[in-house]
Amino acid sequence: MLTHLIGQTIEELTEEVTSYRRARQEPGFDPQAGIISLMLHTHLDASVAAAEARSRGPFREYLRSAVKLELRAAQGDGTISGGHILPDDEIPADVLEGRRLPTIAG
């Protein structure tokens, strides 16, 4: 299972992991043997301020392109990560600026 924290809280992630483990156990698979990977984007630098300053612009552009890819998949009768639905193709400015996490309806 590959997941991320955009659009979900730690508590929701915990529920997803529990559900994944349960789904493995029901047909007889070892629930602890499945691999769960959590994407956490990281940039290291001399200081937190330097890391934020250097990565803010490129990371915003990455988020824009990632959301657009997911929107195209959803518009082609696919779904985006976790089966969520995004309301439009614009990322609110306060999300891009890191002032809040996006809310994704599902």
PDB file of N, CA and C in Angstrom:
ATOM      1  N   MET A   1       0.860  -1.162   0.000  1.00  0.00           N
ATOM      2  CA  MET A   1       0.000   0.000   0.000  1.00  0.00           C
ATOM      3  C   MET A   1       0.906   1.223   0.000  1.00  0.00           C
ATOM      4  N   LEU A   2       0.612   2.172  -0.877  1.00  0.00           N
ATOM      5  CA  LEU A   2       1.345   3.431  -0.938  1.00  0.00           C
ATOM      6  C   LEU A   2       0.354   4.543  -0.655  1.00  0.00           C
ATOM      7  N   THR A   3       0.690   5.423   0.281  1.00  0.00           N
ATOM      8  CA  THR A   3      -0.230   6.492   0.642  1.00  0.00           C
ATOM      9  C   THR A   3       0.554   7.753   0.976  1.00  0.00           C
ATOM     10  N   HIS A   4      -0.180   8.801   1.283  1.00  0.00           N
ATOM     11  CA  HIS A   4       0.406  10.081   1.661  1.00  0.00           C
ATOM     12  C   HIS A   4      -0.541  10.753   2.642  1.00  0.00           C
ATOM     13  N   LEU A   5      -0.145  11.909   3.147  1.00  0.00           N
ATOM     14  CA  LEU A   5      -0.971  12.601   4.141  1.00  0.00           C
ATOM     15  C   LEU A   5      -1.807  13.726   3.557  1.00  0.00           C
ATOM     16  N   ILE A   6      -1.686  14.009   2.267  1.00  0.00           N
ATOM     17  CA  ILE A   6      -2.507  15.067   1.691  1.00  0.00           C
ATOM     18  C   ILE A   6      -3.947  14.589   1.637  1.00  0.00           C
ATOM     19  N   GLY A   7      -4.823  15.329   2.286  1.00  0.00           N
ATOM     20  CA  GLY A   7      -6.240  14.979   2.276  1.00  0.00           C
ATOM     21  C   GLY A   7      -6.654  13.995   3.347  1.00  0.00           C
ATOM     22  N   GLN A   8      -5.737  13.621   4.228  1.00  0.00           N
ATOM     23  CA  GLN A   8      -6.130  12.752   5.333  1.00  0.00           C
ATOM     24  C   GLN A   8      -5.313  13.090   6.569  1.00  0.00           C
ATOM     25  N   THR A   9      -5.921  12.854   7.703  1.00  0.00           N
ATOM     26  CA  THR A   9      -5.256  13.111   8.978  1.00  0.00           C
ATOM     27  C   THR A   9      -4.501  11.856   9.403  1.00  0.00           C
ATOM     28  N   ILE A  10      -3.685  11.989  10.432  1.00  0.00           N
ATOM     29  CA  ILE A  10      -2.984  10.828  10.998  1.00  0.00           C
ATOM     30  C   ILE A  10      -4.008   9.791  11.460  1.00  0.00           C
ATOM     31  N   GLU A  11      -5.106  10.264  12.037  1.00  0.00           N
ATOM     32  CA  GLU A  11      -6.148   9.342  12.505  1.00  0.00           C
ATOM     33  C   GLU A  11      -6.774   8.575  11.340  1.00  0.00           C
ATOM     34  N   GLU A  12      -7.021   9.271  10.233  1.00  0.00           N
ATOM     35  CA  GLU A  12      -7.584   8.607   9.051  1.00  0.00           C
ATOM     36  C   GLU A  12      -6.577   7.634   8.444  1.00  0.00           C
ATOM     37  N   LEU A  13      -5.310   8.007   8.451  1.00  0.00           N
ATOM     38  CA  LEU A  13      -4.267   7.096   7.977  1.00  0.00           C
ATOM     39  C   LEU A  13      -4.244   5.835   8.837  1.00  0.00           C
ATOM     40  N   THR A  14      -4.360   6.011  10.144  1.00  0.00           N
ATOM     41  CA  THR A  14      -4.390   4.869  11.058  1.00  0.00           C
ATOM     42  C   THR A  14      -5.553   3.937  10.722  1.00  0.00           C
ATOM     43  N   GLU A  15      -6.708   4.504  10.435  1.00  0.00           N
ATOM     44  CA  GLU A  15      -7.875   3.696  10.054  1.00  0.00           C
ATOM     45  C   GLU A  15      -7.617   2.946   8.751  1.00  0.00           C
ATOM     46  N   GLU A  16      -6.978   3.603   7.778  1.00  0.00           N
ATOM     47  CA  GLU A  16      -6.665   2.958   6.499  1.00  0.00           C
ATOM     48  C   GLU A  16      -5.701   1.788   6.693  1.00  0.00           C
ATOM     49  N   VAL A  17      -4.691   1.983   7.517  1.00  0.00           N
ATOM     50  CA  VAL A  17      -3.729   0.908   7.779  1.00  0.00           C
ATOM     51  C   VAL A  17      -4.414  -0.262   8.477  1.00  0.00           C
ATOM     52  N   THR A  18      -5.267   0.038   9.447  1.00  0.00           N
ATOM     53  CA  THR A  18      -6.017  -1.012  10.146  1.00  0.00           C
ATOM     54  C   THR A  18      -6.897  -1.780   9.169  1.00  0.00           C
ATOM     55  N   SER A  19      -7.564  -1.070   8.271  1.00  0.00           N
ATOM     56  CA  SER A  19      -8.420  -1.702   7.274  1.00  0.00           C
ATOM     57  C   SER A  19      -7.599  -2.587   6.336  1.00  0.00           C
ATOM     58  N   TYR A  20      -6.438  -2.115   5.928  1.00  0.00           N
ATOM     59  CA  TYR A  20      -5.545  -2.878   5.050  1.00  0.00           C
ATOM     60  C   TYR A  20      -5.112  -4.169   5.738  1.00  0.00           C
ATOM     61  N   ARG A  21      -4.702  -4.057   6.990  1.00  0.00           N
ATOM     62  CA  ARG A  21      -4.262  -5.247   7.742  1.00  0.00           C
ATOM     63  C   ARG A  21      -5.411  -6.245   7.901  1.00  0.00           C
ATOM     64  N   ARG A  22      -6.592  -5.739   8.187  1.00  0.00           N
ATOM     65  CA  ARG A  22      -7.770  -6.599   8.347  1.00  0.00           C
ATOM     66  C   ARG A  22      -8.100  -7.314   7.026  1.00  0.00           C
ATOM     67  N   ALA A  23      -8.010  -6.571   5.923  1.00  0.00           N
ATOM     68  CA  ALA A  23      -8.301  -7.152   4.609  1.00  0.00           C
ATOM     69  C   ALA A  23      -7.297  -8.247   4.251  1.00  0.00           C
ATOM     70  N   ARG A  24      -6.069  -8.141   4.702  1.00  0.00           N
ATOM     71  CA  ARG A  24      -5.085  -9.202   4.466  1.00  0.00           C
ATOM     72  C   ARG A  24      -5.385 -10.419   5.334  1.00  0.00           C
ATOM     73  N   GLN A  25      -5.828 -10.184   6.554  1.00  0.00           N
ATOM     74  CA  GLN A  25      -6.043 -11.281   7.503  1.00  0.00           C
ATOM     75  C   GLN A  25      -7.265 -12.125   7.129  1.00  0.00           C
ATOM     76  N   GLU A  26      -8.331 -11.489   6.646  1.00  0.00           N
ATOM     77  CA  GLU A  26      -9.582 -12.215   6.371  1.00  0.00           C
ATOM     78  C   GLU A  26      -9.408 -13.409   5.434  1.00  0.00           C
ATOM     79  N   PRO A  27      -8.634 -13.307   4.344  1.00  0.00           N
ATOM     80  CA  PRO A  27      -8.463 -14.488   3.481  1.00  0.00           C
ATOM     81  C   PRO A  27      -7.304 -15.388   3.921  1.00  0.00           C
ATOM     82  N   GLY A  28      -6.683 -15.077   5.070  1.00  0.00           N
ATOM     83  CA  GLY A  28      -5.639 -15.944   5.599  1.00  0.00           C
ATOM     84  C   GLY A  28      -4.211 -15.479   5.388  1.00  0.00           C
ATOM     85  N   PHE A  29      -4.023 -14.270   4.852  1.00  0.00           N
ATOM     86  CA  PHE A  29      -2.671 -13.740   4.693  1.00  0.00           C
ATOM     87  C   PHE A  29      -2.188 -13.156   6.013  1.00  0.00           C
ATOM     88  N   ASP A  30      -0.885 -13.168   6.206  1.00  0.00           N
ATOM     89  CA  ASP A  30      -0.294 -12.561   7.400  1.00  0.00           C
ATOM     90  C   ASP A  30      -0.542 -11.053   7.346  1.00  0.00           C
ATOM     91  N   PRO A  31      -1.303 -10.500   8.278  1.00  0.00           N
ATOM     92  CA  PRO A  31      -1.632  -9.067   8.215  1.00  0.00           C
ATOM     93  C   PRO A  31      -0.419  -8.160   8.390  1.00  0.00           C
ATOM     94  N   GLN A  32       0.637  -8.662   9.014  1.00  0.00           N
ATOM     95  CA  GLN A  32       1.823  -7.836   9.236  1.00  0.00           C
ATOM     96  C   GLN A  32       2.833  -7.938   8.101  1.00  0.00           C
ATOM     97  N   ALA A  33       2.612  -8.861   7.163  1.00  0.00           N
ATOM     98  CA  ALA A  33       3.581  -9.075   6.089  1.00  0.00           C
ATOM     99  C   ALA A  33       3.432  -8.066   4.953  1.00  0.00           C
ATOM    100  N   GLY A  34       2.278  -7.456   4.830  1.00  0.00           N
ATOM    101  CA  GLY A  34       2.083  -6.468   3.773  1.00  0.00           C
ATOM    102  C   GLY A  34       2.934  -5.241   4.023  1.00  0.00           C
ATOM    103  N   ILE A  35       3.374  -4.609   2.947  1.00  0.00           N
ATOM    104  CA  ILE A  35       4.237  -3.430   3.069  1.00  0.00           C
ATOM    105  C   ILE A  35       3.405  -2.171   2.880  1.00  0.00           C
ATOM    106  N   ILE A  36       3.547  -1.238   3.800  1.00  0.00           N
ATOM    107  CA  ILE A  36       2.875   0.046   3.731  1.00  0.00           C
ATOM    108  C   ILE A  36       3.955   1.114   3.625  1.00  0.00           C
ATOM    109  N   SER A  37       3.873   1.912   2.574  1.00  0.00           N
ATOM    110  CA  SER A  37       4.843   2.987   2.369  1.00  0.00           C
ATOM    111  C   SER A  37       4.101   4.315   2.450  1.00  0.00           C
ATOM    112  N   LEU A  38       4.638   5.228   3.226  1.00  0.00           N
ATOM    113  CA  LEU A  38       4.055   6.553   3.392  1.00  0.00           C
ATOM    114  C   LEU A  38       4.984   7.570   2.744  1.00  0.00           C
ATOM    115  N   MET A  39       4.453   8.308   1.752  1.00  0.00           N
ATOM    116  CA  MET A  39       5.260   9.329   1.102  1.00  0.00           C
ATOM    117  C   MET A  39       5.319  10.568   1.997  1.00  0.00           C
ATOM    118  N   LEU A  40       6.503  10.965   2.330  1.00  0.00           N
ATOM    119  CA  LEU A  40       6.729  12.215   3.055  1.00  0.00           C
ATOM    120  C   LEU A  40       7.833  12.950   2.308  1.00  0.00           C
ATOM    121  N   HIS A  41       7.482  14.021   1.670  1.00  0.00           N
ATOM    122  CA  HIS A  41       8.468  14.780   0.906  1.00  0.00           C
ATOM    123  C   HIS A  41       9.411  15.478   1.878  1.00  0.00           C
ATOM    124  N   THR A  42      10.693  15.378   1.610  1.00  0.00           N
ATOM    125  CA  THR A  42      11.697  15.886   2.537  1.00  0.00           C
ATOM    126  C   THR A  42      12.780  16.655   1.786  1.00  0.00           C
ATOM    127  N   HIS A  43      13.186  17.770   2.343  1.00  0.00           N
ATOM    128  CA  HIS A  43      14.313  18.528   1.805  1.00  0.00           C
ATOM    129  C   HIS A  43      15.169  18.945   2.991  1.00  0.00           C
ATOM    130  N   LEU A  44      16.430  18.547   2.977  1.00  0.00           N
ATOM    131  CA  LEU A  44      17.352  18.904   4.050  1.00  0.00           C
ATOM    132  C   LEU A  44      18.257  20.031   3.583  1.00  0.00           C
ATOM    133  N   ASP A  45      18.577  20.930   4.500  1.00  0.00           N
ATOM    134  CA  ASP A  45      19.437  22.052   4.184  1.00  0.00           C
ATOM    135  C   ASP A  45      20.123  22.475   5.474  1.00  0.00           C
ATOM    136  N   ALA A  46      20.857  23.548   5.419  1.00  0.00           N
ATOM    137  CA  ALA A  46      21.597  24.014   6.594  1.00  0.00           C
ATOM    138  C   ALA A  46      20.684  24.387   7.754  1.00  0.00           C
ATOM    139  N   SER A  47      19.473  24.830   7.436  1.00  0.00           N
ATOM    140  CA  SER A  47      18.510  25.193   8.472  1.00  0.00           C
ATOM    141  C   SER A  47      17.101  24.951   7.941  1.00  0.00           C
ATOM    142  N   VAL A  48      16.123  24.955   8.847  1.00  0.00           N
ATOM    143  CA  VAL A  48      14.729  24.804   8.431  1.00  0.00           C
ATOM    144  C   VAL A  48      14.346  25.944   7.500  1.00  0.00           C
ATOM    145  N   ALA A  49      14.735  27.166   7.843  1.00  0.00           N
ATOM    146  CA  ALA A  49      14.397  28.330   7.012  1.00  0.00           C
ATOM    147  C   ALA A  49      14.998  28.194   5.613  1.00  0.00           C
ATOM    148  N   ALA A  50      16.233  27.730   5.521  1.00  0.00           N
ATOM    149  CA  ALA A  50      16.871  27.557   4.216  1.00  0.00           C
ATOM    150  C   ALA A  50      16.173  26.472   3.411  1.00  0.00           C
ATOM    151  N   ALA A  51      15.823  25.378   4.065  1.00  0.00           N
ATOM    152  CA  ALA A  51      15.122  24.280   3.376  1.00  0.00           C
ATOM    153  C   ALA A  51      13.776  24.754   2.854  1.00  0.00           C
ATOM    154  N   GLU A  52      13.028  25.481   3.675  1.00  0.00           N
ATOM    155  CA  GLU A  52      11.727  25.988   3.240  1.00  0.00           C
ATOM    156  C   GLU A  52      11.879  26.973   2.086  1.00  0.00           C
ATOM    157  N   ALA A  53      12.829  27.879   2.193  1.00  0.00           N
ATOM    158  CA  ALA A  53      13.018  28.886   1.147  1.00  0.00           C
ATOM    159  C   ALA A  53      13.419  28.239  -0.182  1.00  0.00           C
ATOM    160  N   ARG A  54      14.283  27.249  -0.136  1.00  0.00           N
ATOM    161  CA  ARG A  54      14.774  26.624  -1.363  1.00  0.00           C
ATOM    162  C   ARG A  54      13.739  25.698  -2.001  1.00  0.00           C
ATOM    163  N   SER A  55      12.910  25.066  -1.195  1.00  0.00           N
ATOM    164  CA  SER A  55      11.995  24.057  -1.745  1.00  0.00           C
ATOM    165  C   SER A  55      10.572  24.563  -1.978  1.00  0.00           C
ATOM    166  N   ARG A  56      10.188  25.679  -1.416  1.00  0.00           N
ATOM    167  CA  ARG A  56       8.799  26.142  -1.509  1.00  0.00           C
ATOM    168  C   ARG A  56       8.304  26.252  -2.961  1.00  0.00           C
ATOM    169  N   GLY A  57       8.995  26.956  -3.808  1.00  0.00           N
ATOM    170  CA  GLY A  57       8.555  27.128  -5.201  1.00  0.00           C
ATOM    171  C   GLY A  57       8.502  25.822  -5.974  1.00  0.00           C
ATOM    172  N   PRO A  58       9.595  25.051  -6.006  1.00  0.00           N
ATOM    173  CA  PRO A  58       9.554  23.784  -6.735  1.00  0.00           C
ATOM    174  C   PRO A  58       8.503  22.808  -6.183  1.00  0.00           C
ATOM    175  N   PHE A  59       8.307  22.799  -4.873  1.00  0.00           N
ATOM    176  CA  PHE A  59       7.318  21.888  -4.306  1.00  0.00           C
ATOM    177  C   PHE A  59       5.899  22.312  -4.691  1.00  0.00           C
ATOM    178  N   ARG A  60       5.631  23.601  -4.716  1.00  0.00           N
ATOM    179  CA  ARG A  60       4.311  24.079  -5.164  1.00  0.00           C
ATOM    180  C   ARG A  60       4.048  23.630  -6.595  1.00  0.00           C
ATOM    181  N   GLU A  61       5.051  23.754  -7.456  1.00  0.00           N
ATOM    182  CA  GLU A  61       4.868  23.342  -8.853  1.00  0.00           C
ATOM    183  C   GLU A  61       4.649  21.833  -8.950  1.00  0.00           C
ATOM    184  N   TYR A  62       5.348  21.090  -8.135  1.00  0.00           N
ATOM    185  CA  TYR A  62       5.149  19.633  -8.093  1.00  0.00           C
ATOM    186  C   TYR A  62       3.708  19.312  -7.688  1.00  0.00           C
ATOM    187  N   LEU A  63       3.207  19.979  -6.639  1.00  0.00           N
ATOM    188  CA  LEU A  63       1.832  19.730  -6.193  1.00  0.00           C
ATOM    189  C   LEU A  63       0.832  20.070  -7.294  1.00  0.00           C
ATOM    190  N   ARG A  64       1.042  21.188  -7.973  1.00  0.00           N
ATOM    191  CA  ARG A  64       0.145  21.561  -9.079  1.00  0.00           C
ATOM    192  C   ARG A  64       0.107  20.463 -10.142  1.00  0.00           C
ATOM    193  N   SER A  65       1.267  19.973 -10.537  1.00  0.00           N
ATOM    194  CA  SER A  65       1.302  18.963 -11.597  1.00  0.00           C
ATOM    195  C   SER A  65       0.718  17.646 -11.113  1.00  0.00           C
ATOM    196  N   ALA A  66       0.958  17.276  -9.867  1.00  0.00           N
ATOM    197  CA  ALA A  66       0.428  16.016  -9.333  1.00  0.00           C
ATOM    198  C   ALA A  66      -1.093  16.055  -9.267  1.00  0.00           C
ATOM    199  N   VAL A  67      -1.650  17.165  -8.827  1.00  0.00           N
ATOM    200  CA  VAL A  67      -3.103  17.279  -8.736  1.00  0.00           C
ATOM    201  C   VAL A  67      -3.713  17.252 -10.130  1.00  0.00           C
ATOM    202  N   LYS A  68      -3.084  17.906 -11.085  1.00  0.00           N
ATOM    203  CA  LYS A  68      -3.618  17.900 -12.453  1.00  0.00           C
ATOM    204  C   LYS A  68      -3.616  16.487 -13.038  1.00  0.00           C
ATOM    205  N   LEU A  69      -2.590  15.702 -12.756  1.00  0.00           N
ATOM    206  CA  LEU A  69      -2.565  14.314 -13.223  1.00  0.00           C
ATOM    207  C   LEU A  69      -3.716  13.512 -12.616  1.00  0.00           C
ATOM    208  N   GLU A  70      -3.940  13.709 -11.337  1.00  0.00           N
ATOM    209  CA  GLU A  70      -5.014  12.979 -10.670  1.00  0.00           C
ATOM    210  C   GLU A  70      -6.373  13.425 -11.186  1.00  0.00           C
ATOM    211  N   LEU A  71      -6.525  14.715 -11.457  1.00  0.00           N
ATOM    212  CA  LEU A  71      -7.784  15.205 -12.012  1.00  0.00           C
ATOM    213  C   LEU A  71      -8.067  14.589 -13.380  1.00  0.00           C
ATOM    214  N   ARG A  72      -7.027  14.507 -14.208  1.00  0.00           N
ATOM    215  CA  ARG A  72      -7.219  13.883 -15.530  1.00  0.00           C
ATOM    216  C   ARG A  72      -7.646  12.431 -15.381  1.00  0.00           C
ATOM    217  N   ALA A  73      -7.071  11.722 -14.442  1.00  0.00           N
ATOM    218  CA  ALA A  73      -7.462  10.324 -14.220  1.00  0.00           C
ATOM    219  C   ALA A  73      -8.916  10.252 -13.777  1.00  0.00           C
ATOM    220  N   ALA A  74      -9.308  11.140 -12.869  1.00  0.00           N
ATOM    221  CA  ALA A  74     -10.686  11.139 -12.370  1.00  0.00           C
ATOM    222  C   ALA A  74     -11.669  11.508 -13.476  1.00  0.00           C
ATOM    223  N   GLN A  75     -11.310  12.456 -14.324  1.00  0.00           N
ATOM    224  CA  GLN A  75     -12.196  12.876 -15.408  1.00  0.00           C
ATOM    225  C   GLN A  75     -12.338  11.797 -16.472  1.00  0.00           C
ATOM    226  N   GLY A  76     -11.385  10.878 -16.548  1.00  0.00           N
ATOM    227  CA  GLY A  76     -11.453   9.772 -17.501  1.00  0.00           C
ATOM    228  C   GLY A  76     -12.098   8.551 -16.875  1.00  0.00           C
ATOM    229  N   ASP A  77     -13.003   8.783 -15.932  1.00  0.00           N
ATOM    230  CA  ASP A  77     -13.710   7.724 -15.208  1.00  0.00           C
ATOM    231  C   ASP A  77     -12.815   6.942 -14.269  1.00  0.00           C
ATOM    232  N   GLY A  78     -11.650   7.475 -13.983  1.00  0.00           N
ATOM    233  CA  GLY A  78     -10.794   6.860 -12.980  1.00  0.00           C
ATOM    234  C   GLY A  78     -11.018   7.567 -11.662  1.00  0.00           C
ATOM    235  N   THR A  79     -10.270   7.211 -10.688  1.00  0.00           N
ATOM    236  CA  THR A  79     -10.342   7.901  -9.403  1.00  0.00           C
ATOM    237  C   THR A  79      -8.940   8.343  -9.030  1.00  0.00           C
ATOM    238  N   ILE A  80      -8.867   9.286  -8.130  1.00  0.00           N
ATOM    239  CA  ILE A  80      -7.573   9.725  -7.648  1.00  0.00           C
ATOM    240  C   ILE A  80      -7.252   8.953  -6.382  1.00  0.00           C
ATOM    241  N   SER A  81      -6.125   9.239  -5.799  1.00  0.00           N
ATOM    242  CA  SER A  81      -5.652   8.510  -4.633  1.00  0.00           C
ATOM    243  C   SER A  81      -6.748   8.305  -3.602  1.00  0.00           C
ATOM    244  N   GLY A  82      -6.964   7.073  -3.245  1.00  0.00           N
ATOM    245  CA  GLY A  82      -7.954   6.751  -2.231  1.00  0.00           C
ATOM    246  C   GLY A  82      -9.386   6.868  -2.708  1.00  0.00           C
ATOM    247  N   GLY A  83      -9.610   7.060  -4.005  1.00  0.00           N
ATOM    248  CA  GLY A  83     -10.963   7.181  -4.518  1.00  0.00           C
ATOM    249  C   GLY A  83     -11.603   8.519  -4.245  1.00  0.00           C
ATOM    250  N   HIS A  84     -10.800   9.501  -3.843  1.00  0.00           N
ATOM    251  CA  HIS A  84     -11.340  10.832  -3.553  1.00  0.00           C
ATOM    252  C   HIS A  84     -11.729  11.557  -4.834  1.00  0.00           C
ATOM    253  N   ILE A  85     -12.540  12.574  -4.675  1.00  0.00           N
ATOM    254  CA  ILE A  85     -12.961  13.406  -5.794  1.00  0.00           C
ATOM    255  C   ILE A  85     -12.583  14.848  -5.482  1.00  0.00           C
ATOM    256  N   LEU A  86     -11.893  15.493  -6.390  1.00  0.00           N
ATOM    257  CA  LEU A  86     -11.561  16.905  -6.214  1.00  0.00           C
ATOM    258  C   LEU A  86     -12.606  17.748  -6.923  1.00  0.00           C
ATOM    259  N   PRO A  87     -12.998  18.872  -6.351  1.00  0.00           N
ATOM    260  CA  PRO A  87     -14.054  19.688  -6.932  1.00  0.00           C
ATOM    261  C   PRO A  87     -13.665  20.411  -8.211  1.00  0.00           C
ATOM    262  N   ASP A  88     -12.422  20.807  -8.401  1.00  0.00           N
ATOM    263  CA  ASP A  88     -11.991  21.496  -9.615  1.00  0.00           C
ATOM    264  C   ASP A  88     -10.489  21.360  -9.754  1.00  0.00           C
ATOM    265  N   ASP A  89      -9.935  21.998 -10.802  1.00  0.00           N
ATOM    266  CA  ASP A  89      -8.506  21.813 -11.022  1.00  0.00           C
ATOM    267  C   ASP A  89      -7.650  22.926 -10.437  1.00  0.00           C
ATOM    268  N   GLU A  90      -8.226  23.770  -9.628  1.00  0.00           N
ATOM    269  CA  GLU A  90      -7.450  24.827  -8.995  1.00  0.00           C
ATOM    270  C   GLU A  90      -7.115  24.429  -7.562  1.00  0.00           C
ATOM    271  N   ILE A  91      -5.877  24.605  -7.181  1.00  0.00           N
ATOM    272  CA  ILE A  91      -5.457  24.359  -5.808  1.00  0.00           C
ATOM    273  C   ILE A  91      -5.569  25.693  -5.084  1.00  0.00           C
ATOM    274  N   PRO A  92      -6.351  25.748  -3.999  1.00  0.00           N
ATOM    275  CA  PRO A  92      -6.493  27.012  -3.278  1.00  0.00           C
ATOM    276  C   PRO A  92      -5.133  27.568  -2.843  1.00  0.00           C
ATOM    277  N   ALA A  93      -4.982  28.876  -2.899  1.00  0.00           N
ATOM    278  CA  ALA A  93      -3.709  29.529  -2.588  1.00  0.00           C
ATOM    279  C   ALA A  93      -3.210  29.179  -1.199  1.00  0.00           C
ATOM    280  N   ASP A  94      -4.116  29.093  -0.206  1.00  0.00           N
ATOM    281  CA  ASP A  94      -3.644  28.803   1.147  1.00  0.00           C
ATOM    282  C   ASP A  94      -3.137  27.371   1.285  1.00  0.00           C
ATOM    283  N   VAL A  95      -3.591  26.470   0.423  1.00  0.00           N
ATOM    284  CA  VAL A  95      -3.043  25.111   0.414  1.00  0.00           C
ATOM    285  C   VAL A  95      -1.641  25.138  -0.186  1.00  0.00           C
ATOM    286  N   LEU A  96      -1.497  25.811  -1.325  1.00  0.00           N
ATOM    287  CA  LEU A  96      -0.186  25.903  -1.965  1.00  0.00           C
ATOM    288  C   LEU A  96       0.838  26.592  -1.083  1.00  0.00           C
ATOM    289  N   GLU A  97       0.402  27.548  -0.315  1.00  0.00           N
ATOM    290  CA  GLU A  97       1.324  28.277   0.550  1.00  0.00           C
ATOM    291  C   GLU A  97       1.594  27.544   1.853  1.00  0.00           C
ATOM    292  N   GLY A  98       0.981  26.378   2.048  1.00  0.00           N
ATOM    293  CA  GLY A  98       1.249  25.581   3.227  1.00  0.00           C
ATOM    294  C   GLY A  98       0.522  26.040   4.474  1.00  0.00           C
ATOM    295  N   ARG A  99      -0.521  26.862   4.316  1.00  0.00           N
ATOM    296  CA  ARG A  99      -1.242  27.346   5.488  1.00  0.00           C
ATOM    297  C   ARG A  99      -2.326  26.376   5.924  1.00  0.00           C
ATOM    298  N   ARG A 100      -2.708  25.441   5.046  1.00  0.00           N
ATOM    299  CA  ARG A 100      -3.658  24.403   5.425  1.00  0.00           C
ATOM    300  C   ARG A 100      -3.535  23.238   4.466  1.00  0.00           C
ATOM    301  N   LEU A 101      -3.919  22.060   4.921  1.00  0.00           N
ATOM    302  CA  LEU A 101      -3.970  20.891   4.055  1.00  0.00           C
ATOM    303  C   LEU A 101      -5.252  20.931   3.259  1.00  0.00           C
ATOM    304  N   PRO A 102      -5.243  20.405   2.050  1.00  0.00           N
ATOM    305  CA  PRO A 102      -6.482  20.402   1.258  1.00  0.00           C
ATOM    306  C   PRO A 102      -7.511  19.481   1.842  1.00  0.00           C
ATOM    307  N   THR A 103      -8.772  19.837   1.671  1.00  0.00           N
ATOM    308  CA  THR A 103      -9.893  18.978   2.042  1.00  0.00           C
ATOM    309  C   THR A 103     -10.365  18.312   0.780  1.00  0.00           C
ATOM    310  N   ILE A 104     -10.374  16.996   0.783  1.00  0.00           N
ATOM    311  CA  ILE A 104     -10.767  16.251  -0.400  1.00  0.00           C
ATOM    312  C   ILE A 104     -12.030  15.473  -0.067  1.00  0.00           C
ATOM    313  N   ALA A 105     -13.095  15.744  -0.798  1.00  0.00           N
ATOM    314  CA  ALA A 105     -14.349  15.033  -0.580  1.00  0.00           C
ATOM    315  C   ALA A 105     -14.247  13.628  -1.145  1.00  0.00           C
ATOM    316  N   GLY A 106     -14.933  12.701  -0.544  1.00  0.00           N
ATOM    317  CA  GLY A 106     -14.858  11.349  -1.070  1.00  0.00           C
ATOM    318  C   GLY A 106     -16.134  10.601  -0.850  1.00  0.00           C
TER     319      GLY A 106
END
